[in-house]
Protein backbone atom coordinates (compact mmCIF):
# COMPACT_ATOMS: atom_id res chain seq x y z
CA UNK A 1 0.00 0.00 0.00
CA UNK A 2 1.11 3.55 -0.67
CA UNK A 3 -0.03 6.68 1.10
CA UNK A 4 1.12 10.24 0.49
CA UNK A 5 3.82 9.03 -1.94
CA UNK A 6 5.49 6.84 0.70
CA UNK A 7 5.75 3.05 0.55
CA UNK A 8 3.92 1.35 3.44
CA UNK A 9 5.25 -1.76 5.17
CA UNK A 10 2.92 -4.44 6.56
CA UNK A 11 1.65 -3.67 10.05
CA UNK A 12 1.18 -6.42 12.64
CA UNK A 13 0.67 -6.55 16.37
CA UNK A 14 2.48 -8.35 19.18
CA UNK A 15 1.00 -9.74 22.35
CA UNK A 16 2.40 -8.34 25.65
CA UNK A 17 6.02 -8.91 26.71
CA UNK A 18 6.86 -12.38 27.93
CA UNK A 19 4.06 -14.14 26.06
CA UNK A 20 4.46 -16.32 22.99
CA UNK A 21 4.89 -14.31 19.83
CA UNK A 22 2.01 -14.86 17.42
CA UNK A 23 0.81 -12.71 14.58
CA UNK A 24 -2.57 -11.10 15.19
CA UNK A 25 -4.87 -10.34 12.22
CA UNK A 26 -4.24 -6.89 10.80
CA UNK A 27 -6.37 -5.07 8.26
CA UNK A 28 -4.90 -1.60 8.23
CA UNK A 29 -1.58 0.12 7.62
CA UNK A 30 -0.33 3.50 8.78
CA UNK A 31 1.83 6.04 6.96
CA UNK A 32 5.58 5.54 7.36
CA UNK A 33 8.69 7.61 6.76
CA UNK A 34 11.10 6.67 3.93
CA UNK A 35 13.00 4.48 6.39
CA UNK A 36 9.85 2.45 7.14
CA UNK A 37 9.23 3.81 10.65
CA UNK A 38 5.60 4.55 11.53
CA UNK A 39 4.55 8.22 11.52
CA UNK A 40 2.96 9.15 14.85
CA UNK A 41 0.26 11.87 15.08
CA UNK A 42 1.16 15.14 16.83
CA UNK A 43 0.03 18.78 16.91
CA UNK A 44 2.36 21.52 15.68
CA UNK A 45 3.77 23.38 18.71
CA UNK A 46 4.43 26.69 16.92
CA UNK A 47 3.93 28.59 13.66
CA UNK A 48 5.93 27.96 10.48
CA UNK A 49 6.35 24.23 11.20
CA UNK A 50 7.64 22.77 7.93
CA UNK A 51 6.35 19.64 6.13
CA UNK A 52 9.27 17.55 4.86
CA UNK A 53 7.30 16.33 1.82
CA UNK A 54 5.55 19.36 0.30
CA UNK A 55 7.64 22.01 2.06
CA UNK A 56 4.60 24.06 3.13
CA UNK A 57 4.73 25.92 6.45
CA UNK A 58 2.09 24.77 8.92
CA UNK A 59 0.53 27.07 11.55
CA UNK A 60 0.41 26.28 15.25
CA UNK A 61 -2.16 23.66 16.36
CA UNK A 62 -2.35 21.70 13.07
CA UNK A 63 -2.49 17.88 13.08
CA UNK A 64 0.64 16.32 11.53
CA UNK A 65 2.49 13.01 11.63
CA UNK A 66 6.15 12.56 12.54
CA UNK A 67 8.85 9.93 12.85
CA UNK A 68 10.78 10.45 16.08
CA UNK A 69 13.66 8.33 14.81
CA UNK A 70 14.29 10.21 11.55
CA UNK A 71 12.69 13.55 12.55
CA UNK A 72 10.59 13.26 9.39
CA UNK A 73 7.37 15.33 9.65
CA UNK A 74 4.47 15.41 7.16
CA UNK A 75 1.29 17.45 7.09
CA UNK A 76 -2.22 16.02 6.94
CA UNK A 77 -2.40 16.59 3.19
CA UNK A 78 0.65 14.45 2.57
CA UNK A 79 -0.20 11.72 5.10
CA UNK A 80 -3.96 11.64 5.76
CA UNK A 81 -4.80 9.67 8.93
CA UNK A 82 -7.12 7.12 7.31
CA UNK A 83 -7.15 3.35 7.27
CA UNK A 84 -5.64 1.79 4.17
CA UNK A 85 -6.21 -1.85 3.12
CA UNK A 86 -3.18 -3.97 3.90
CA UNK A 87 -1.74 -6.23 1.25
CA UNK A 88 0.19 -9.03 2.96
CA UNK A 89 1.87 -11.57 0.71
CA UNK A 90 2.38 -14.15 3.45
CA UNK A 91 -0.47 -14.11 5.93
CA UNK A 92 1.23 -16.73 8.10
CA UNK A 93 4.55 -14.89 8.45
CA UNK A 94 5.57 -14.05 12.00
CA UNK A 95 5.76 -10.31 12.59
CA UNK A 96 8.40 -8.83 14.89
CA UNK A 97 9.33 -5.32 15.93
CA UNK A 98 12.71 -4.12 14.77
CA UNK A 99 15.15 -1.33 15.49
CA UNK A 100 15.94 1.33 12.83
CA UNK A 101 18.66 -0.96 11.43
CA UNK A 102 16.26 -3.88 11.04
CA UNK A 103 17.35 -6.06 13.98
CA UNK A 104 14.62 -7.76 16.08
CA UNK A 105 13.80 -6.16 19.46
CA UNK A 106 13.89 -8.45 22.48
CA UNK A 107 11.87 -7.86 25.68
CA UNK A 108 13.72 -6.93 28.86
CA UNK A 109 13.11 -5.16 32.17
CA UNK A 110 14.89 -1.88 32.97
CA UNK A 111 17.64 -2.64 35.47
CA UNK A 112 18.56 0.91 36.49
CA UNK A 113 16.22 3.60 37.72
CA UNK A 114 15.54 6.40 35.24
CA UNK A 115 16.83 4.54 32.17
CA UNK A 116 15.99 6.41 28.98
CA UNK A 117 13.86 5.38 26.00
CA UNK A 118 15.74 6.08 22.74
CA UNK A 119 12.51 6.89 20.92
CA UNK A 120 10.64 9.35 23.17
CA UNK A 121 13.51 10.25 25.51
CA UNK A 122 11.41 9.65 28.63
CA UNK A 123 13.02 8.27 31.78
CA UNK A 124 11.78 4.80 32.72
CA UNK A 125 11.61 3.50 36.29
CA UNK A 126 13.37 0.36 37.44
CA UNK A 127 11.77 -2.92 36.23
CA UNK A 128 9.80 -1.09 33.53
CA UNK A 129 9.08 -3.45 30.58
CA UNK A 130 11.01 -2.38 27.49
CA UNK A 131 12.34 -3.77 24.23
CA UNK A 132 15.94 -3.61 23.12
CA UNK A 133 18.24 -4.31 20.16
CA UNK A 134 21.39 -5.83 21.60
CA UNK A 135 23.37 -5.12 18.45
CA UNK A 136 22.59 -1.40 18.18
CA UNK A 137 22.04 -0.74 21.90
CA UNK A 138 18.61 0.68 20.97
CA UNK A 139 16.00 0.65 23.78
CA UNK A 140 12.31 1.61 23.54
CA UNK A 141 9.63 1.77 26.22
CA UNK A 142 6.37 -0.13 26.01
CA UNK A 143 4.31 2.94 25.07
CA UNK A 144 6.58 3.71 22.09
CA UNK A 145 6.36 0.24 20.58
CA UNK A 146 3.52 1.39 18.30
CA UNK A 147 5.83 3.94 16.66
CA UNK A 148 8.02 1.20 15.20
CA UNK A 149 7.16 -0.44 11.91
CA UNK A 150 6.99 -4.22 12.49
CA UNK A 151 8.00 -6.49 9.65
CA UNK A 152 8.26 -10.26 9.04
CA UNK A 153 11.11 -11.95 10.87
CA UNK A 154 13.99 -12.52 8.48
CA UNK A 155 15.11 -16.05 7.79
CA UNK A 156 17.98 -17.21 9.95
CA UNK A 157 21.35 -16.49 8.35
CA UNK A 158 23.73 -19.44 8.55
CA UNK A 159 26.76 -18.62 10.68
CA UNK A 160 29.99 -17.73 8.93
CA UNK A 161 32.58 -20.51 9.37
CA UNK A 162 35.58 -19.56 11.49
CA UNK A 163 39.06 -21.01 10.98
CA UNK A 164 40.52 -19.70 14.25
CA UNK A 165 39.01 -18.05 17.31
CA UNK A 166 40.71 -16.99 20.54
CA UNK A 167 39.78 -14.83 23.53
CA UNK A 168 43.18 -15.39 25.14
CA UNK A 169 44.63 -11.96 24.37
CA UNK A 170 46.97 -10.20 26.77
CA UNK A 171 45.87 -6.69 27.71
CA UNK A 172 46.86 -3.96 30.19
CA UNK A 173 45.92 -4.52 33.83
CA UNK A 174 43.56 -1.52 33.90
CA UNK A 175 41.91 -2.28 30.54
CA UNK A 176 38.26 -3.22 31.09
CA UNK A 177 37.61 -4.13 27.46
CA UNK A 178 37.17 -7.68 26.13
CA UNK A 179 39.06 -8.89 23.05
CA UNK A 180 38.62 -11.70 20.53
CA UNK A 181 40.74 -12.81 17.57
CA UNK A 182 38.97 -14.41 14.60
CA UNK A 183 40.33 -15.75 11.32
CA UNK A 184 37.89 -16.34 8.45
CA UNK A 185 38.17 -18.89 5.62
CA UNK A 186 39.09 -16.07 3.21
CA UNK A 187 42.22 -15.50 5.40
CA UNK A 188 40.94 -12.18 6.78
CA UNK A 189 42.13 -11.72 10.37
CA UNK A 190 39.87 -9.76 12.73
CA UNK A 191 40.19 -8.41 16.26
CA UNK A 192 36.88 -7.64 17.99
CA UNK A 193 36.85 -5.29 20.99
CA UNK A 194 33.85 -5.08 23.31
CA UNK A 195 33.56 -1.92 25.41
CA UNK A 196 30.20 -1.48 27.15
CA UNK A 197 31.13 2.04 28.30
CA UNK A 198 32.28 3.39 24.91
CA UNK A 199 30.61 6.57 23.67
CA UNK A 200 31.69 5.82 20.10
CA UNK A 201 32.13 2.68 17.99
CA UNK A 202 35.02 2.42 15.55
CA UNK A 203 36.64 0.20 12.95
CA UNK A 204 39.95 0.14 11.11
CA UNK A 205 41.02 -2.02 8.17
CA UNK A 206 44.63 -2.18 7.01
CA UNK A 207 45.64 -3.49 3.59
CA UNK A 208 49.22 -4.65 3.10
CA UNK A 209 49.73 -2.59 -0.04
CA UNK A 210 51.07 0.93 -0.42
CA UNK A 211 52.76 3.17 -2.94
CA UNK A 212 55.66 0.69 -3.13
CA UNK A 213 53.35 -1.36 -5.40
CA UNK A 214 52.53 1.54 -7.73
CA UNK A 215 53.10 0.65 -11.39
CA UNK A 216 56.21 2.47 -12.65
CA UNK A 217 54.13 4.29 -15.25
CA UNK A 218 51.49 5.47 -12.70
CA UNK A 219 53.14 6.90 -9.56
CA UNK A 220 50.55 7.59 -6.87
CA UNK A 221 48.00 4.98 -8.00
CA UNK A 222 47.68 3.34 -4.55
CA UNK A 223 46.99 6.75 -2.98
CA UNK A 224 44.49 7.62 -5.70
CA UNK A 225 42.65 4.34 -5.14
CA UNK A 226 42.45 5.12 -1.41
CA UNK A 227 40.59 8.34 -2.28
CA UNK A 228 38.29 6.62 -4.79
CA UNK A 229 37.00 3.94 -2.42
CA UNK A 230 35.03 6.60 -0.52
CA UNK A 231 33.06 7.56 -3.64
CA UNK A 232 30.46 4.87 -4.17
CA UNK A 233 30.06 1.09 -4.25
CA UNK A 234 27.67 -1.24 -6.04
CA UNK A 235 25.44 -1.51 -2.94
CA UNK A 236 25.70 2.19 -2.03
CA UNK A 237 26.28 3.99 -5.37
CA UNK A 238 25.79 7.54 -4.05
CA UNK A 239 29.22 9.18 -3.88
CA UNK A 240 28.43 10.86 -0.56
CA UNK A 241 26.55 8.00 1.08
CA UNK A 242 29.36 6.84 3.40
CA UNK A 243 30.51 10.28 4.55
CA UNK A 244 26.92 11.56 4.89
CA UNK A 245 25.87 8.55 6.95
CA UNK A 246 28.78 9.07 9.34
CA UNK A 247 28.25 12.84 9.57
CA UNK A 248 24.56 12.40 10.38
CA UNK A 249 25.32 9.86 13.09
CA UNK A 250 28.09 11.54 15.08
CA UNK A 251 30.92 9.95 13.10
CA UNK A 252 34.01 10.74 11.05
CA UNK A 253 36.44 8.86 8.83
CA UNK A 254 39.93 9.06 7.42
CA UNK A 255 42.52 7.03 5.53
CA UNK A 256 46.20 7.14 4.60
CA UNK A 257 48.56 5.46 2.16
CA UNK A 258 52.05 4.53 3.37
CA UNK A 259 54.99 2.71 1.79
CA UNK A 260 53.61 -0.82 2.23
CA UNK A 261 50.21 -0.24 3.87
CA UNK A 262 46.93 1.56 3.25
CA UNK A 263 44.64 2.13 6.22
CA UNK A 264 40.95 3.03 6.37
CA UNK A 265 39.16 3.86 9.63
CA UNK A 266 36.02 5.50 11.00
CA UNK A 267 34.10 6.20 14.21
CA UNK A 268 30.34 6.53 14.71
CA UNK A 269 27.73 6.53 17.46
CA UNK A 270 27.37 2.97 18.78
CA UNK A 271 23.76 2.56 17.64
CA UNK A 272 24.80 3.12 14.00
CA UNK A 273 27.79 0.77 13.85
CA UNK A 274 25.89 -1.83 11.75
CA UNK A 275 25.06 0.65 8.99
CA UNK A 276 28.56 2.11 8.98
CA UNK A 277 30.20 -1.33 8.82
CA UNK A 278 27.97 -2.42 5.94
CA UNK A 279 29.00 0.61 3.90
CA UNK A 280 32.64 0.22 4.95
CA UNK A 281 32.83 -3.45 3.93
CA UNK A 282 31.65 -2.65 0.42
CA UNK A 283 34.86 -0.66 -0.18
CA UNK A 284 36.68 -3.96 -0.41
CA UNK A 285 33.98 -5.97 -2.20
CA UNK A 286 32.50 -3.91 -5.04
CA UNK A 287 33.78 -0.33 -5.54
CA UNK A 288 32.45 1.58 -8.54
CA UNK A 289 35.29 3.93 -9.56
CA UNK A 290 32.84 5.93 -11.67
CA UNK A 291 34.25 8.04 -14.50
CA UNK A 292 32.80 11.25 -13.10
CA UNK A 293 34.25 10.68 -9.64
CA UNK A 294 37.61 9.70 -11.13
CA UNK A 295 38.02 13.05 -12.87
CA UNK A 296 36.92 15.08 -9.87
CA UNK A 297 39.07 13.21 -7.37
CA UNK A 298 42.18 13.72 -9.51
CA UNK A 299 41.80 17.41 -8.73
CA UNK A 300 41.75 16.56 -5.00
CA UNK A 301 45.00 14.59 -5.42
CA UNK A 302 46.58 17.55 -7.23
CA UNK A 303 45.46 19.89 -4.45
CA UNK A 304 46.91 17.61 -1.77
CA UNK A 305 50.24 17.45 -3.59
CA UNK A 306 50.32 21.24 -3.96
CA UNK A 307 49.79 21.55 -0.21
CA UNK A 308 52.62 19.09 0.47
CA UNK A 309 55.02 21.15 -1.64
CA UNK A 310 54.90 23.83 1.05
CA UNK A 311 55.40 21.38 3.93
CA UNK A 312 58.97 20.92 5.15
CA UNK A 313 58.09 17.49 6.56
CA UNK A 314 56.87 16.23 3.18
CA UNK A 315 59.76 17.85 1.31
CA UNK A 316 62.34 16.17 3.55
CA UNK A 317 60.59 12.80 3.26
CA UNK A 318 60.54 12.96 -0.55
CA UNK A 319 64.17 14.10 -0.62
CA UNK A 320 65.09 11.00 1.39
CA UNK A 321 63.15 8.80 -1.06
CA UNK A 322 64.86 10.32 -4.09
CA UNK A 323 68.24 9.54 -2.53
CA UNK A 324 67.35 5.82 -2.77
CA UNK A 325 68.20 3.66 -5.76
CA UNK A 326 65.83 4.18 -8.73
CA UNK A 327 65.59 0.38 -8.95
CA UNK A 328 63.97 0.18 -5.50
CA UNK A 329 60.37 1.29 -4.77
CA UNK A 330 61.62 3.49 -1.91
CA UNK A 331 62.59 5.91 -4.70
CA UNK A 332 58.98 6.34 -5.85
CA UNK A 333 56.73 9.41 -5.65
CA UNK A 334 53.78 8.11 -3.63
CA UNK A 335 51.36 11.05 -3.56
CA UNK A 336 50.73 11.39 -7.28
CA UNK A 337 49.36 14.37 -9.21
CA UNK A 338 47.60 15.12 -12.47
CA UNK A 339 50.83 14.59 -14.42
CA UNK A 340 51.53 11.10 -13.07
CA UNK A 341 47.90 9.87 -12.86
CA UNK A 342 46.52 10.01 -16.37
CA UNK A 343 45.28 7.82 -19.19
CA UNK A 344 48.23 6.12 -20.90
CA UNK A 345 48.51 6.02 -24.67
CA UNK A 346 49.91 3.03 -26.52
CA UNK A 347 53.64 3.19 -27.08
CA UNK A 348 56.44 0.85 -28.23
CA UNK A 349 58.46 -0.67 -25.43
CA UNK A 350 60.86 -3.03 -27.26
CA UNK A 351 62.25 -4.01 -30.67
CA UNK A 352 62.77 -7.71 -31.47
CA UNK A 353 64.82 -9.18 -34.34
CA UNK A 354 62.91 -12.12 -35.83
CA UNK A 355 63.45 -14.36 -38.90
CA UNK A 356 61.57 -13.20 -41.97
CA UNK A 357 59.43 -15.60 -44.04
CA UNK A 358 61.34 -17.19 -46.90
CA UNK A 359 64.76 -16.67 -45.39
CA UNK A 360 67.45 -19.32 -45.20
CA UNK A 361 70.22 -19.99 -42.72
CA UNK A 362 73.78 -18.84 -43.24
CA UNK A 363 74.99 -22.43 -42.94
CA UNK A 364 73.09 -23.30 -46.13
CA UNK A 365 74.97 -20.68 -48.06
CA UNK A 366 71.88 -18.49 -48.66
CA UNK A 367 71.10 -14.98 -47.51
CA UNK A 368 69.72 -14.44 -44.02
CA UNK A 369 66.40 -12.56 -43.94
CA UNK A 370 65.21 -10.85 -40.75
CA UNK A 371 62.73 -8.21 -39.67
CA UNK A 372 62.34 -5.85 -36.71
CA UNK A 373 59.12 -6.26 -34.71
CA UNK A 374 57.99 -3.60 -32.24
CA UNK A 375 56.30 -4.67 -29.01
CA UNK A 376 53.77 -2.07 -27.89
CA UNK A 377 52.17 -1.34 -24.55
CA UNK A 378 48.41 -1.10 -25.10
CA UNK A 379 46.57 2.07 -24.05
CA UNK A 380 45.37 2.11 -20.43
CA UNK A 381 42.65 4.29 -18.92
CA UNK A 382 43.30 5.41 -15.35
CA UNK A 383 39.89 3.99 -14.32
CA UNK A 384 40.84 0.58 -15.70
CA UNK A 385 44.14 0.82 -13.80
CA UNK A 386 42.18 1.38 -10.57
CA UNK A 387 40.09 -1.76 -11.12
CA UNK A 388 43.20 -3.79 -11.98
CA UNK A 389 45.11 -2.56 -8.91
CA UNK A 390 42.16 -3.27 -6.59
CA UNK A 391 41.67 -6.75 -8.03
CA UNK A 392 45.36 -7.59 -7.83
CA UNK A 393 46.23 -6.25 -4.38
CA UNK A 394 43.03 -5.90 -2.32
CA UNK A 395 42.88 -9.55 -1.30
CA UNK A 396 41.41 -10.69 2.03
CA UNK A 397 44.61 -12.50 3.00
CA UNK A 398 46.43 -9.12 2.88
CA UNK A 399 43.93 -7.40 5.21
CA UNK A 400 43.59 -6.98 8.97
CA UNK A 401 40.41 -5.62 10.59
CA UNK A 402 39.66 -4.31 14.08
CA UNK A 403 36.16 -3.36 15.29
CA UNK A 404 35.35 -1.66 18.61
CA UNK A 405 31.72 -1.62 19.80
CA UNK A 406 29.45 -1.64 22.83
CA UNK A 407 28.07 -5.07 21.94
CA UNK A 408 29.31 -8.30 23.49
CA UNK A 409 32.01 -10.23 21.62
CA UNK A 410 29.47 -12.78 20.36
CA UNK A 411 27.17 -10.02 19.10
CA UNK A 412 30.06 -8.25 17.41
CA UNK A 413 31.04 -11.50 15.76
CA UNK A 414 27.49 -12.01 14.46
CA UNK A 415 27.50 -8.47 13.11
CA UNK A 416 30.98 -8.27 11.57
CA UNK A 417 31.64 -11.69 10.05
CA UNK A 418 28.77 -11.79 7.49
CA UNK A 419 29.72 -8.32 6.22
CA UNK A 420 33.42 -9.03 5.59
CA UNK A 421 33.27 -12.73 4.71
CA UNK A 422 32.48 -11.91 1.00
CA UNK A 423 35.81 -10.08 0.49
CA UNK A 424 37.58 -12.17 -2.17
CA UNK A 425 40.85 -13.90 -1.42
CA UNK A 426 43.29 -14.39 -4.30
CA UNK A 427 46.08 -15.56 -1.98
CA UNK A 428 48.20 -12.54 -2.87
CA UNK A 429 51.84 -13.19 -1.94
CA UNK A 430 53.72 -10.43 -0.10
CA UNK A 431 55.65 -8.30 -2.60
CA UNK A 432 59.45 -8.43 -2.60
CA UNK A 433 62.13 -6.26 -4.20
CA UNK A 434 65.77 -7.11 -4.89
CA UNK A 435 68.67 -4.99 -3.75
CA UNK A 436 69.20 -2.44 -1.01
CA UNK A 437 67.69 1.02 -1.46
CA UNK A 438 70.64 3.04 -0.13
CA UNK A 439 73.66 0.86 -0.94
CA UNK A 440 75.03 3.36 -3.48
CA UNK A 441 74.13 6.57 -1.64
CA UNK A 442 75.55 6.02 1.84
CA UNK A 443 77.83 8.76 3.22
CA UNK A 444 75.88 11.34 1.22
CA UNK A 445 75.07 14.79 2.60
CA UNK A 446 71.83 16.45 1.50
CA UNK A 447 71.17 20.14 2.21
CA UNK A 448 67.58 21.35 2.07
CA UNK A 449 66.44 24.97 2.11
CA UNK A 450 63.27 24.97 4.26
CA UNK A 451 60.06 26.83 3.51
CA UNK A 452 59.70 27.94 7.13
CA UNK A 453 62.39 28.86 9.62
CA UNK A 454 63.74 25.44 10.55
CA UNK A 455 67.11 24.14 11.72
CA UNK A 456 67.28 20.35 11.73
CA UNK A 457 70.21 17.95 11.50
CA UNK A 458 69.15 14.39 10.61
CA UNK A 459 71.48 11.39 10.31
CA UNK A 460 70.08 8.19 8.78
CA UNK A 461 71.53 4.67 8.85
CA UNK A 462 70.04 2.01 6.52
CA UNK A 463 69.58 -1.32 8.33
CA UNK A 464 68.44 -4.85 7.52
CA UNK A 465 64.73 -5.49 8.19
CA UNK A 466 63.80 -5.56 11.89
CA UNK A 467 60.18 -6.76 11.83
CA UNK A 468 61.17 -10.34 12.61
CA UNK A 469 63.07 -9.08 15.69
CA UNK A 470 59.89 -7.84 17.41
CA UNK A 471 60.58 -9.84 20.57
CA UNK A 472 64.13 -8.57 21.25
CA UNK A 473 64.03 -5.16 19.47
CA UNK A 474 67.80 -4.56 19.35
CA UNK A 475 67.33 -1.15 17.75
CA UNK A 476 65.49 0.02 20.87
CA UNK A 477 68.66 -0.69 22.90
CA UNK A 478 70.55 1.79 20.71
CA UNK A 479 67.80 4.42 20.64
CA UNK A 480 67.47 4.20 24.45
CA UNK A 481 71.14 5.15 24.91
CA UNK A 482 71.56 7.65 22.06
CA UNK A 483 68.29 9.38 22.90
CA UNK A 484 68.82 9.48 26.67
CA UNK A 485 68.44 12.93 28.25
CA UNK A 486 70.16 12.40 31.62
CA UNK A 487 73.48 13.90 32.73
CA UNK A 488 76.38 12.46 30.74
CA UNK A 489 74.20 11.76 27.68
CA UNK A 490 74.88 13.04 24.17
CA UNK A 491 71.98 15.49 24.42
CA UNK A 492 73.27 16.78 27.77
CA UNK A 493 76.69 17.44 26.21
CA UNK A 494 75.36 19.22 23.11
CA UNK A 495 72.81 21.21 25.08
CA UNK A 496 75.52 22.33 27.49
CA UNK A 497 77.46 23.79 24.58
CA UNK A 498 74.36 25.61 23.35
CA UNK A 499 74.26 23.77 20.02
CA UNK A 500 71.16 21.54 20.27
CA UNK A 501 67.70 22.13 21.72
CA UNK A 502 66.33 18.57 21.41
CA UNK A 503 67.35 15.12 20.17
CA UNK A 504 65.37 12.01 19.27
CA UNK A 505 66.65 8.64 18.09
CA UNK A 506 64.90 5.51 16.79
CA UNK A 507 63.68 3.64 13.74
CA UNK A 508 62.05 5.95 11.18
CA UNK A 509 61.25 3.26 8.57
CA UNK A 510 60.49 -0.40 9.15
CA UNK A 511 59.73 -2.04 5.82
CA UNK A 512 59.66 -5.69 4.82
CA UNK A 513 63.13 -5.64 3.23
CA UNK A 514 64.95 -2.76 4.97
CA UNK A 515 64.78 -0.34 7.91
CA UNK A 516 66.14 3.11 8.71
CA UNK A 517 67.55 4.28 12.04
CA UNK A 518 67.42 8.03 12.54
CA UNK A 519 68.94 10.58 14.89
CA UNK A 520 67.33 13.99 14.51
CA UNK A 521 68.45 17.13 16.32
CA UNK A 522 66.83 20.55 16.49
CA UNK A 523 69.75 23.00 16.27
CA UNK A 524 70.10 26.32 17.97
CA UNK A 525 71.17 29.35 15.97
CA UNK A 526 74.76 28.80 17.15
CA UNK A 527 74.54 25.07 16.47
CA UNK A 528 73.57 25.76 12.86
CA UNK A 529 77.20 26.78 12.29
CA UNK A 530 78.63 23.81 14.26
CA UNK A 531 77.30 20.89 12.19
CA UNK A 532 80.71 19.24 11.73
CA UNK A 533 81.46 19.42 15.46
CA UNK A 534 78.03 17.99 16.32
CA UNK A 535 78.56 15.10 13.90
CA UNK A 536 81.93 14.32 15.50
CA UNK A 537 80.28 14.03 18.93
CA UNK A 538 77.46 11.89 17.51
CA UNK A 539 79.81 9.40 15.86
CA UNK A 540 82.01 9.36 18.98
CA UNK A 541 78.94 8.23 20.94
CA UNK A 542 78.13 5.60 18.29
CA UNK A 543 81.71 4.28 18.34
CA UNK A 544 81.62 4.08 22.13
CA UNK A 545 78.49 1.89 21.96
CA UNK A 546 80.10 -0.24 19.27
CA UNK A 547 83.24 -0.81 21.36
CA UNK A 548 81.34 -2.02 24.44
CA UNK A 549 79.49 -5.36 24.60
CA UNK A 550 75.73 -5.15 25.17
CA UNK A 551 74.93 -4.57 28.83
CA UNK A 552 72.23 -6.71 30.38
CA UNK A 553 71.10 -3.91 32.68
CA UNK A 554 70.31 -1.70 29.68
CA UNK A 555 68.15 -4.40 28.11
CA UNK A 556 66.41 -5.04 31.44
CA UNK A 557 65.76 -1.32 31.88
CA UNK A 558 64.23 -1.07 28.40
CA UNK A 559 62.15 -4.18 29.03
CA UNK A 560 60.91 -2.93 32.43
CA UNK A 561 59.94 0.47 31.02
CA UNK A 562 58.05 -1.17 28.14
CA UNK A 563 56.31 -3.62 30.48
CA UNK A 564 55.29 -0.81 32.83
CA UNK A 565 54.06 1.31 29.96
CA UNK A 566 51.91 -1.58 28.69
CA UNK A 567 50.62 -2.70 32.09
CA UNK A 568 49.41 0.78 33.10
CA UNK A 569 48.54 2.09 29.65
CA UNK A 570 45.53 4.37 29.66
CA UNK A 571 42.59 3.19 27.61
CA UNK A 572 42.62 4.66 24.09
CA UNK A 573 39.67 6.27 22.42
CA UNK A 574 37.78 3.73 20.26
CA UNK A 575 39.24 4.96 16.95
CA UNK A 576 42.78 5.02 18.36
CA UNK A 577 42.27 1.54 19.78
CA UNK A 578 41.07 0.24 16.41
CA UNK A 579 44.06 1.78 14.63
CA UNK A 580 46.63 0.46 17.08
């Protein structure tokens, strides 16, 4: 049935809480908002009350209908309060009340005095009968049940198979959250975090692909794809659907592309986590990459690169990359711009010498006939390159997901797994590159003229990869001593001479095939003219550490500080927890 231009869902009735659920005969339907919630009659409280359908202003005291969930109000002309015949396809279907996201509401009794109904906002006394969605944390009082649009109970969805599941996760002593690790058959690994006190829900998905995997002819493609995933999917084709949904429900989102990783994350009010996750999961299942959005987003990439050109941090980072070997992906330009991200025309890439028809061999005494054959690279549209990159690298086995919500771990599992299980797995192997990025450029001095007033001295040492040394962390031993600030330390010496204001030391890059150890010093105005003397003191400190065997007390001190920091770590905000 339709009324006032709005589709009407079937209306059924439920017997009181605690009794067996049976469908009562229903012969009428009521007007509903576009989201299928029933419109409840009310009287306009003041003049110039606007109808959301026709736009006409309504005077004070006029009968209207409104949805308290969506704040969708319609006048009597657009939603006349009359009975409409109900067309029910399945008269025997069980009817249940659902929350705004479509989950069934279960009866419960209010445990705390003055609990609030999420529909009318009224405080409810202790033991008051209510209905609740455990997934969305959506509670309604008994008197507001009629304002929800009941619908047939959905068929039970078979559970998603799980390859691994573990709740045995070590956490800080003062962390009240619960954690669960789950591995799906498509090789996606998930960490679920239950926090009943959280004021926001959050999720973060990391893909093990970054600008290191950019095709040589399209620098910045991984970063461009990161931007494009926000702009429509097959299930939610509207370009602004994801960002609008989050903005309307107290949320926000962001993403970044690094050397070997691309990360997407968002936060939202807990009641709207299901809708946000559904939209989020589609990024990795069926993005659209529409032609119109592709052209517009290229301008956003160009604008971001123009901004970076005036950032000393970005300029220094790119200068360090360009010092790497051109044969290694560390040398690449990862941001991209309108010059590097464009449709590629066909062009020859090689010339081959091949025998010509009718020729004879030199051994037979005849002439040798040959011809040159050009091998050409076919033309490639940037949109086609996006699809190819997504299909090749966005595999479930290269992804890690973390979701933080107010629901229990079991409820989070029921919510998350069906949404992300469809992500395809092509068993993408981790990329590898031969050679060392800085083998030919060590002992090189680079001088950069900053945009802003800045005096920095940075010394970088290329190292073998350190990811596999996550238990012992030998580089932390060195950074602990070089970066120490106590009396007798390198910083204490340089500060005492008035040359350095601050010093930090540690790994600046940790990639799969190499790492970088960095010592960075903020120089004083006097220290800016004493760079050679500062370097002598730095290398004297390095040589002193090299001459002495590792001291157990230093390792124990580092270990104790790390253990203490973990044990008494303050609880992160939901989005920070998901990202970490």
